[in-house]
Amino acid sequence: MRILYLLSREVIILVLAAILIASPIALYSMRKWLQNFAYRVGIHPLLFLMTMLIILSVALLSIGYRSVKVANINPAEAIKYE
């Protein structure tokens, strides 16, 4: 569990930083792009929240899978190949 915590903490910080940087850019770009259409569609903040949750869950699932896989290997086998 400690390995999972250490790896996921760093990844979550990086993913949140990427979301904070990309969200305003995406919102601005989407609003500019949608202005060109005859029928106006609003952008709901729930869209960004759901996207953020999906991105975080995919990141946590991938880190969790790799952490469990690494934690279950025998350290002697890893040293043997080096």
PDB file of N, CA and C in Angstrom:
ATOM      1  N   MET A   1       0.820  -1.201   0.000  1.00  0.00           N
ATOM      2  CA  MET A   1       0.000   0.000   0.000  1.00  0.00           C
ATOM      3  C   MET A   1       0.866   1.268   0.000  1.00  0.00           C
ATOM      4  N   ARG A   2       2.027   1.169   0.629  1.00  0.00           N
ATOM      5  CA  ARG A   2       2.911   2.335   0.690  1.00  0.00           C
ATOM      6  C   ARG A   2       3.431   2.689  -0.716  1.00  0.00           C
ATOM      7  N   ILE A   3       3.762   1.666  -1.508  1.00  0.00           N
ATOM      8  CA  ILE A   3       4.224   1.899  -2.878  1.00  0.00           C
ATOM      9  C   ILE A   3       3.117   2.560  -3.688  1.00  0.00           C
ATOM     10  N   LEU A   4       1.913   2.059  -3.532  1.00  0.00           N
ATOM     11  CA  LEU A   4       0.775   2.626  -4.253  1.00  0.00           C
ATOM     12  C   LEU A   4       0.565   4.089  -3.867  1.00  0.00           C
ATOM     13  N   TYR A   5       0.684   4.388  -2.589  1.00  0.00           N
ATOM     14  CA  TYR A   5       0.518   5.762  -2.126  1.00  0.00           C
ATOM     15  C   TYR A   5       1.605   6.673  -2.699  1.00  0.00           C
ATOM     16  N   LEU A   6       2.848   6.225  -2.651  1.00  0.00           N
ATOM     17  CA  LEU A   6       3.944   7.066  -3.135  1.00  0.00           C
ATOM     18  C   LEU A   6       3.843   7.336  -4.636  1.00  0.00           C
ATOM     19  N   LEU A   7       3.530   6.307  -5.400  1.00  0.00           N
ATOM     20  CA  LEU A   7       3.418   6.493  -6.846  1.00  0.00           C
ATOM     21  C   LEU A   7       2.185   7.299  -7.232  1.00  0.00           C
ATOM     22  N   SER A   8       1.070   7.016  -6.600  1.00  0.00           N
ATOM     23  CA  SER A   8      -0.159   7.695  -6.986  1.00  0.00           C
ATOM     24  C   SER A   8      -0.158   9.160  -6.560  1.00  0.00           C
ATOM     25  N   ARG A   9       0.501   9.491  -5.463  1.00  0.00           N
ATOM     26  CA  ARG A   9       0.548  10.879  -5.014  1.00  0.00           C
ATOM     27  C   ARG A   9       1.223  11.763  -6.066  1.00  0.00           C
ATOM     28  N   GLU A  10       2.338  11.320  -6.585  1.00  0.00           N
ATOM     29  CA  GLU A  10       3.042  12.103  -7.598  1.00  0.00           C
ATOM     30  C   GLU A  10       2.242  12.210  -8.891  1.00  0.00           C
ATOM     31  N   VAL A  11       1.636  11.106  -9.285  1.00  0.00           N
ATOM     32  CA  VAL A  11       0.868  11.107 -10.531  1.00  0.00           C
ATOM     33  C   VAL A  11      -0.368  11.991 -10.390  1.00  0.00           C
ATOM     34  N   ILE A  12      -1.033  11.925  -9.250  1.00  0.00           N
ATOM     35  CA  ILE A  12      -2.220  12.752  -9.048  1.00  0.00           C
ATOM     36  C   ILE A  12      -1.861  14.231  -9.094  1.00  0.00           C
ATOM     37  N   ILE A  13      -0.747  14.599  -8.498  1.00  0.00           N
ATOM     38  CA  ILE A  13      -0.315  15.999  -8.530  1.00  0.00           C
ATOM     39  C   ILE A  13      -0.049  16.437  -9.966  1.00  0.00           C
ATOM     40  N   LEU A  14       0.615  15.596 -10.743  1.00  0.00           N
ATOM     41  CA  LEU A  14       0.902  15.949 -12.137  1.00  0.00           C
ATOM     42  C   LEU A  14      -0.370  16.013 -12.979  1.00  0.00           C
ATOM     43  N   VAL A  15      -1.274  15.080 -12.762  1.00  0.00           N
ATOM     44  CA  VAL A  15      -2.528  15.078 -13.522  1.00  0.00           C
ATOM     45  C   VAL A  15      -3.366  16.298 -13.165  1.00  0.00           C
ATOM     46  N   LEU A  16      -3.448  16.640 -11.893  1.00  0.00           N
ATOM     47  CA  LEU A  16      -4.202  17.831 -11.494  1.00  0.00           C
ATOM     48  C   LEU A  16      -3.580  19.107 -12.056  1.00  0.00           C
ATOM     49  N   ALA A  17      -2.255  19.170 -12.079  1.00  0.00           N
ATOM     50  CA  ALA A  17      -1.593  20.334 -12.666  1.00  0.00           C
ATOM     51  C   ALA A  17      -1.906  20.429 -14.156  1.00  0.00           C
ATOM     52  N   ALA A  18      -1.885  19.298 -14.839  1.00  0.00           N
ATOM     53  CA  ALA A  18      -2.202  19.293 -16.269  1.00  0.00           C
ATOM     54  C   ALA A  18      -3.648  19.711 -16.509  1.00  0.00           C
ATOM     55  N   ILE A  19      -4.549  19.259 -15.647  1.00  0.00           N
ATOM     56  CA  ILE A  19      -5.956  19.636 -15.791  1.00  0.00           C
ATOM     57  C   ILE A  19      -6.137  21.131 -15.556  1.00  0.00           C
ATOM     58  N   LEU A  20      -5.463  21.660 -14.537  1.00  0.00           N
ATOM     59  CA  LEU A  20      -5.586  23.090 -14.243  1.00  0.00           C
ATOM     60  C   LEU A  20      -5.031  23.963 -15.368  1.00  0.00           C
ATOM     61  N   ILE A  21      -4.014  23.469 -16.046  1.00  0.00           N
ATOM     62  CA  ILE A  21      -3.450  24.225 -17.158  1.00  0.00           C
ATOM     63  C   ILE A  21      -4.313  24.079 -18.410  1.00  0.00           C
ATOM     64  N   ALA A  22      -4.803  22.868 -18.675  1.00  0.00           N
ATOM     65  CA  ALA A  22      -5.512  22.606 -19.921  1.00  0.00           C
ATOM     66  C   ALA A  22      -6.975  23.053 -19.903  1.00  0.00           C
ATOM     67  N   SER A  23      -7.609  23.075 -18.747  1.00  0.00           N
ATOM     68  CA  SER A  23      -9.036  23.403 -18.694  1.00  0.00           C
ATOM     69  C   SER A  23      -9.356  24.808 -19.191  1.00  0.00           C
ATOM     70  N   PRO A  24      -8.665  25.850 -18.740  1.00  0.00           N
ATOM     71  CA  PRO A  24      -8.994  27.185 -19.273  1.00  0.00           C
ATOM     72  C   PRO A  24      -8.720  27.306 -20.773  1.00  0.00           C
ATOM     73  N   ILE A  25      -7.664  26.657 -21.225  1.00  0.00           N
ATOM     74  CA  ILE A  25      -7.350  26.693 -22.653  1.00  0.00           C
ATOM     75  C   ILE A  25      -8.440  25.989 -23.450  1.00  0.00           C
ATOM     76  N   ALA A  26      -8.876  24.834 -22.968  1.00  0.00           N
ATOM     77  CA  ALA A  26      -9.935  24.086 -23.647  1.00  0.00           C
ATOM     78  C   ALA A  26     -11.253  24.845 -23.618  1.00  0.00           C
ATOM     79  N   LEU A  27     -11.569  25.460 -22.485  1.00  0.00           N
ATOM     80  CA  LEU A  27     -12.811  26.226 -22.377  1.00  0.00           C
ATOM     81  C   LEU A  27     -12.811  27.403 -23.348  1.00  0.00           C
ATOM     82  N   TYR A  28     -11.722  28.118 -23.414  1.00  0.00           N
ATOM     83  CA  TYR A  28     -11.609  29.254 -24.336  1.00  0.00           C
ATOM     84  C   TYR A  28     -11.718  28.784 -25.788  1.00  0.00           C
ATOM     85  N   SER A  29     -11.001  27.709 -26.119  1.00  0.00           N
ATOM     86  CA  SER A  29     -11.022  27.196 -27.491  1.00  0.00           C
ATOM     87  C   SER A  29     -12.410  26.697 -27.877  1.00  0.00           C
ATOM     88  N   MET A  30     -13.065  26.016 -26.963  1.00  0.00           N
ATOM     89  CA  MET A  30     -14.407  25.494 -27.265  1.00  0.00           C
ATOM     90  C   MET A  30     -15.409  26.620 -27.452  1.00  0.00           C
ATOM     91  N   ARG A  31     -15.319  27.651 -26.634  1.00  0.00           N
ATOM     92  CA  ARG A  31     -16.237  28.787 -26.790  1.00  0.00           C
ATOM     93  C   ARG A  31     -16.016  29.501 -28.116  1.00  0.00           C
ATOM     94  N   LYS A  32     -14.753  29.693 -28.491  1.00  0.00           N
ATOM     95  CA  LYS A  32     -14.454  30.336 -29.779  1.00  0.00           C
ATOM     96  C   LYS A  32     -14.959  29.490 -30.943  1.00  0.00           C
ATOM     97  N   TRP A  33     -14.767  28.178 -30.857  1.00  0.00           N
ATOM     98  CA  TRP A  33     -15.170  27.285 -31.926  1.00  0.00           C
ATOM     99  C   TRP A  33     -16.689  27.231 -32.047  1.00  0.00           C
ATOM    100  N   LEU A  34     -17.389  27.203 -30.899  1.00  0.00           N
ATOM    101  CA  LEU A  34     -18.843  27.099 -30.920  1.00  0.00           C
ATOM    102  C   LEU A  34     -19.518  28.391 -31.353  1.00  0.00           C
ATOM    103  N   GLN A  35     -18.811  29.511 -31.343  1.00  0.00           N
ATOM    104  CA  GLN A  35     -19.392  30.774 -31.790  1.00  0.00           C
ATOM    105  C   GLN A  35     -19.639  30.794 -33.295  1.00  0.00           C
ATOM    106  N   ASN A  36     -18.983  29.921 -34.017  1.00  0.00           N
ATOM    107  CA  ASN A  36     -19.121  29.889 -35.472  1.00  0.00           C
ATOM    108  C   ASN A  36     -20.384  29.186 -35.949  1.00  0.00           C
ATOM    109  N   PHE A  37     -21.101  28.543 -35.060  1.00  0.00           N
ATOM    110  CA  PHE A  37     -22.289  27.797 -35.455  1.00  0.00           C
ATOM    111  C   PHE A  37     -23.536  28.652 -35.311  1.00  0.00           C
ATOM    112  N   ALA A  38     -24.541  28.337 -36.119  1.00  0.00           N
ATOM    113  CA  ALA A  38     -25.792  29.096 -36.087  1.00  0.00           C
ATOM    114  C   ALA A  38     -26.560  28.844 -34.791  1.00  0.00           C
ATOM    115  N   TYR A  39     -26.584  27.609 -34.335  1.00  0.00           N
ATOM    116  CA  TYR A  39     -27.279  27.265 -33.097  1.00  0.00           C
ATOM    117  C   TYR A  39     -26.277  27.269 -31.951  1.00  0.00           C
ATOM    118  N   ARG A  40     -26.573  28.032 -30.933  1.00  0.00           N
ATOM    119  CA  ARG A  40     -25.660  28.177 -29.797  1.00  0.00           C
ATOM    120  C   ARG A  40     -25.868  27.049 -28.786  1.00  0.00           C
ATOM    121  N   VAL A  41     -24.764  26.527 -28.294  1.00  0.00           N
ATOM    122  CA  VAL A  41     -24.775  25.488 -27.271  1.00  0.00           C
ATOM    123  C   VAL A  41     -23.875  25.961 -26.145  1.00  0.00           C
ATOM    124  N   GLY A  42     -24.380  25.875 -24.928  1.00  0.00           N
ATOM    125  CA  GLY A  42     -23.578  26.283 -23.783  1.00  0.00           C
ATOM    126  C   GLY A  42     -22.680  25.153 -23.313  1.00  0.00           C
ATOM    127  N   ILE A  43     -21.603  25.529 -22.670  1.00  0.00           N
ATOM    128  CA  ILE A  43     -20.672  24.546 -22.112  1.00  0.00           C
ATOM    129  C   ILE A  43     -20.909  24.500 -20.609  1.00  0.00           C
ATOM    130  N   HIS A  44     -21.334  23.360 -20.135  1.00  0.00           N
ATOM    131  CA  HIS A  44     -21.652  23.206 -18.715  1.00  0.00           C
ATOM    132  C   HIS A  44     -20.385  22.820 -17.943  1.00  0.00           C
ATOM    133  N   PRO A  45     -20.177  23.383 -16.753  1.00  0.00           N
ATOM    134  CA  PRO A  45     -18.997  23.027 -15.951  1.00  0.00           C
ATOM    135  C   PRO A  45     -18.966  21.557 -15.541  1.00  0.00           C
ATOM    136  N   LEU A  46     -20.130  20.912 -15.539  1.00  0.00           N
ATOM    137  CA  LEU A  46     -20.184  19.486 -15.204  1.00  0.00           C
ATOM    138  C   LEU A  46     -19.395  18.657 -16.223  1.00  0.00           C
ATOM    139  N   LEU A  47     -19.328  19.134 -17.442  1.00  0.00           N
ATOM    140  CA  LEU A  47     -18.549  18.460 -18.481  1.00  0.00           C
ATOM    141  C   LEU A  47     -17.075  18.385 -18.081  1.00  0.00           C
ATOM    142  N   PHE A  48     -16.540  19.487 -17.578  1.00  0.00           N
ATOM    143  CA  PHE A  48     -15.145  19.502 -17.158  1.00  0.00           C
ATOM    144  C   PHE A  48     -14.925  18.658 -15.901  1.00  0.00           C
ATOM    145  N   LEU A  49     -15.879  18.677 -14.993  1.00  0.00           N
ATOM    146  CA  LEU A  49     -15.767  17.869 -13.781  1.00  0.00           C
ATOM    147  C   LEU A  49     -15.777  16.381 -14.110  1.00  0.00           C
ATOM    148  N   MET A  50     -16.670  15.972 -14.989  1.00  0.00           N
ATOM    149  CA  MET A  50     -16.729  14.561 -15.375  1.00  0.00           C
ATOM    150  C   MET A  50     -15.461  14.144 -16.109  1.00  0.00           C
ATOM    151  N   THR A  51     -14.961  15.003 -16.960  1.00  0.00           N
ATOM    152  CA  THR A  51     -13.719  14.706 -17.672  1.00  0.00           C
ATOM    153  C   THR A  51     -12.560  14.568 -16.699  1.00  0.00           C
ATOM    154  N   MET A  52     -12.497  15.453 -15.713  1.00  0.00           N
ATOM    155  CA  MET A  52     -11.442  15.381 -14.710  1.00  0.00           C
ATOM    156  C   MET A  52     -11.526  14.074 -13.922  1.00  0.00           C
ATOM    157  N   LEU A  53     -12.728  13.659 -13.555  1.00  0.00           N
ATOM    158  CA  LEU A  53     -12.884  12.407 -12.811  1.00  0.00           C
ATOM    159  C   LEU A  53     -12.494  11.192 -13.656  1.00  0.00           C
ATOM    160  N   ILE A  54     -12.817  11.228 -14.921  1.00  0.00           N
ATOM    161  CA  ILE A  54     -12.445  10.114 -15.805  1.00  0.00           C
ATOM    162  C   ILE A  54     -10.927  10.050 -15.962  1.00  0.00           C
ATOM    163  N   ILE A  55     -10.291  11.191 -16.150  1.00  0.00           N
ATOM    164  CA  ILE A  55      -8.833  11.220 -16.297  1.00  0.00           C
ATOM    165  C   ILE A  55      -8.150  10.728 -15.025  1.00  0.00           C
ATOM    166  N   LEU A  56      -8.625  11.181 -13.871  1.00  0.00           N
ATOM    167  CA  LEU A  56      -8.042  10.736 -12.597  1.00  0.00           C
ATOM    168  C   LEU A  56      -8.248   9.248 -12.372  1.00  0.00           C
ATOM    169  N   SER A  57      -9.427   8.733 -12.719  1.00  0.00           N
ATOM    170  CA  SER A  57      -9.674   7.306 -12.518  1.00  0.00           C
ATOM    171  C   SER A  57      -8.812   6.450 -13.435  1.00  0.00           C
ATOM    172  N   VAL A  58      -8.617   6.879 -14.676  1.00  0.00           N
ATOM    173  CA  VAL A  58      -7.744   6.123 -15.586  1.00  0.00           C
ATOM    174  C   VAL A  58      -6.304   6.152 -15.078  1.00  0.00           C
ATOM    175  N   ALA A  59      -5.856   7.301 -14.603  1.00  0.00           N
ATOM    176  CA  ALA A  59      -4.496   7.394 -14.072  1.00  0.00           C
ATOM    177  C   ALA A  59      -4.327   6.517 -12.839  1.00  0.00           C
ATOM    178  N   LEU A  60      -5.300   6.539 -11.935  1.00  0.00           N
ATOM    179  CA  LEU A  60      -5.207   5.717 -10.730  1.00  0.00           C
ATOM    180  C   LEU A  60      -5.294   4.227 -11.036  1.00  0.00           C
ATOM    181  N   LEU A  61      -6.129   3.865 -11.991  1.00  0.00           N
ATOM    182  CA  LEU A  61      -6.219   2.446 -12.366  1.00  0.00           C
ATOM    183  C   LEU A  61      -4.911   1.948 -12.980  1.00  0.00           C
ATOM    184  N   SER A  62      -4.305   2.750 -13.827  1.00  0.00           N
ATOM    185  CA  SER A  62      -3.056   2.306 -14.446  1.00  0.00           C
ATOM    186  C   SER A  62      -1.925   2.246 -13.420  1.00  0.00           C
ATOM    187  N   ILE A  63      -1.848   3.228 -12.529  1.00  0.00           N
ATOM    188  CA  ILE A  63      -0.824   3.205 -11.477  1.00  0.00           C
ATOM    189  C   ILE A  63      -1.080   2.059 -10.515  1.00  0.00           C
ATOM    190  N   GLY A  64      -2.334   1.836 -10.171  1.00  0.00           N
ATOM    191  CA  GLY A  64      -2.664   0.731  -9.277  1.00  0.00           C
ATOM    192  C   GLY A  64      -2.310  -0.621  -9.861  1.00  0.00           C
ATOM    193  N   TYR A  65      -2.592  -0.799 -11.140  1.00  0.00           N
ATOM    194  CA  TYR A  65      -2.267  -2.071 -11.799  1.00  0.00           C
ATOM    195  C   TYR A  65      -0.763  -2.316 -11.801  1.00  0.00           C
ATOM    196  N   ARG A  66      -0.005  -1.308 -12.195  1.00  0.00           N
ATOM    197  CA  ARG A  66       1.455  -1.475 -12.232  1.00  0.00           C
ATOM    198  C   ARG A  66       2.039  -1.636 -10.837  1.00  0.00           C
ATOM    199  N   SER A  67       1.504  -0.948  -9.845  1.00  0.00           N
ATOM    200  CA  SER A  67       2.018  -1.056  -8.480  1.00  0.00           C
ATOM    201  C   SER A  67       1.770  -2.439  -7.901  1.00  0.00           C
ATOM    202  N   VAL A  68       0.586  -2.964  -8.126  1.00  0.00           N
ATOM    203  CA  VAL A  68       0.279  -4.303  -7.635  1.00  0.00           C
ATOM    204  C   VAL A  68       1.152  -5.335  -8.340  1.00  0.00           C
ATOM    205  N   LYS A  69       1.357  -5.156  -9.620  1.00  0.00           N
ATOM    206  CA  LYS A  69       2.197  -6.073 -10.381  1.00  0.00           C
ATOM    207  C   LYS A  69       3.638  -6.049  -9.877  1.00  0.00           C
ATOM    208  N   VAL A  70       4.174  -4.870  -9.610  1.00  0.00           N
ATOM    209  CA  VAL A  70       5.546  -4.734  -9.125  1.00  0.00           C
ATOM    210  C   VAL A  70       5.666  -5.227  -7.691  1.00  0.00           C
ATOM    211  N   ALA A  71       4.657  -4.976  -6.881  1.00  0.00           N
ATOM    212  CA  ALA A  71       4.719  -5.373  -5.476  1.00  0.00           C
ATOM    213  C   ALA A  71       4.658  -6.885  -5.306  1.00  0.00           C
ATOM    214  N   ASN A  72       4.087  -7.585  -6.263  1.00  0.00           N
ATOM    215  CA  ASN A  72       3.936  -9.033  -6.140  1.00  0.00           C
ATOM    216  C   ASN A  72       5.094  -9.834  -6.727  1.00  0.00           C
ATOM    217  N   ILE A  73       6.062  -9.200  -7.374  1.00  0.00           N
ATOM    218  CA  ILE A  73       7.175  -9.963  -7.908  1.00  0.00           C
ATOM    219  C   ILE A  73       8.182 -10.255  -6.814  1.00  0.00           C
ATOM    220  N   ASN A  74       8.931 -11.285  -7.019  1.00  0.00           N
ATOM    221  CA  ASN A  74       9.954 -11.692  -6.066  1.00  0.00           C
ATOM    222  C   ASN A  74      11.197 -10.826  -6.289  1.00  0.00           C
ATOM    223  N   PRO A  75      11.697 -10.155  -5.261  1.00  0.00           N
ATOM    224  CA  PRO A  75      12.885  -9.290  -5.438  1.00  0.00           C
ATOM    225  C   PRO A  75      14.125 -10.068  -5.911  1.00  0.00           C
ATOM    226  N   ALA A  76      14.220 -11.330  -5.556  1.00  0.00           N
ATOM    227  CA  ALA A  76      15.363 -12.138  -5.979  1.00  0.00           C
ATOM    228  C   ALA A  76      15.377 -12.308  -7.496  1.00  0.00           C
ATOM    229  N   GLU A  77      14.205 -12.433  -8.099  1.00  0.00           N
ATOM    230  CA  GLU A  77      14.126 -12.575  -9.549  1.00  0.00           C
ATOM    231  C   GLU A  77      14.542 -11.271 -10.248  1.00  0.00           C
ATOM    232  N   ALA A  78      14.188 -10.156  -9.676  1.00  0.00           N
ATOM    233  CA  ALA A  78      14.553  -8.874 -10.278  1.00  0.00           C
ATOM    234  C   ALA A  78      16.063  -8.657 -10.209  1.00  0.00           C
ATOM    235  N   ILE A  79      16.677  -9.063  -9.125  1.00  0.00           N
ATOM    236  CA  ILE A  79      18.127  -8.897  -8.979  1.00  0.00           C
ATOM    237  C   ILE A  79      18.864  -9.885  -9.873  1.00  0.00           C
ATOM    238  N   LYS A  80      18.300 -11.058 -10.073  1.00  0.00           N
ATOM    239  CA  LYS A  80      18.945 -12.098 -10.883  1.00  0.00           C
ATOM    240  C   LYS A  80      19.176 -11.630 -12.316  1.00  0.00           C
ATOM    241  N   TYR A  81      18.274 -10.828 -12.858  1.00  0.00           N
ATOM    242  CA  TYR A  81      18.390 -10.380 -14.235  1.00  0.00           C
ATOM    243  C   TYR A  81      19.303  -9.173 -14.401  1.00  0.00           C
ATOM    244  N   GLU A  82      19.781  -8.605 -13.338  1.00  0.00           N
ATOM    245  CA  GLU A  82      20.634  -7.426 -13.450  1.00  0.00           C
ATOM    246  C   GLU A  82      22.067  -7.755 -13.435  1.00  0.00           C
TER     247      GLU A  82
END
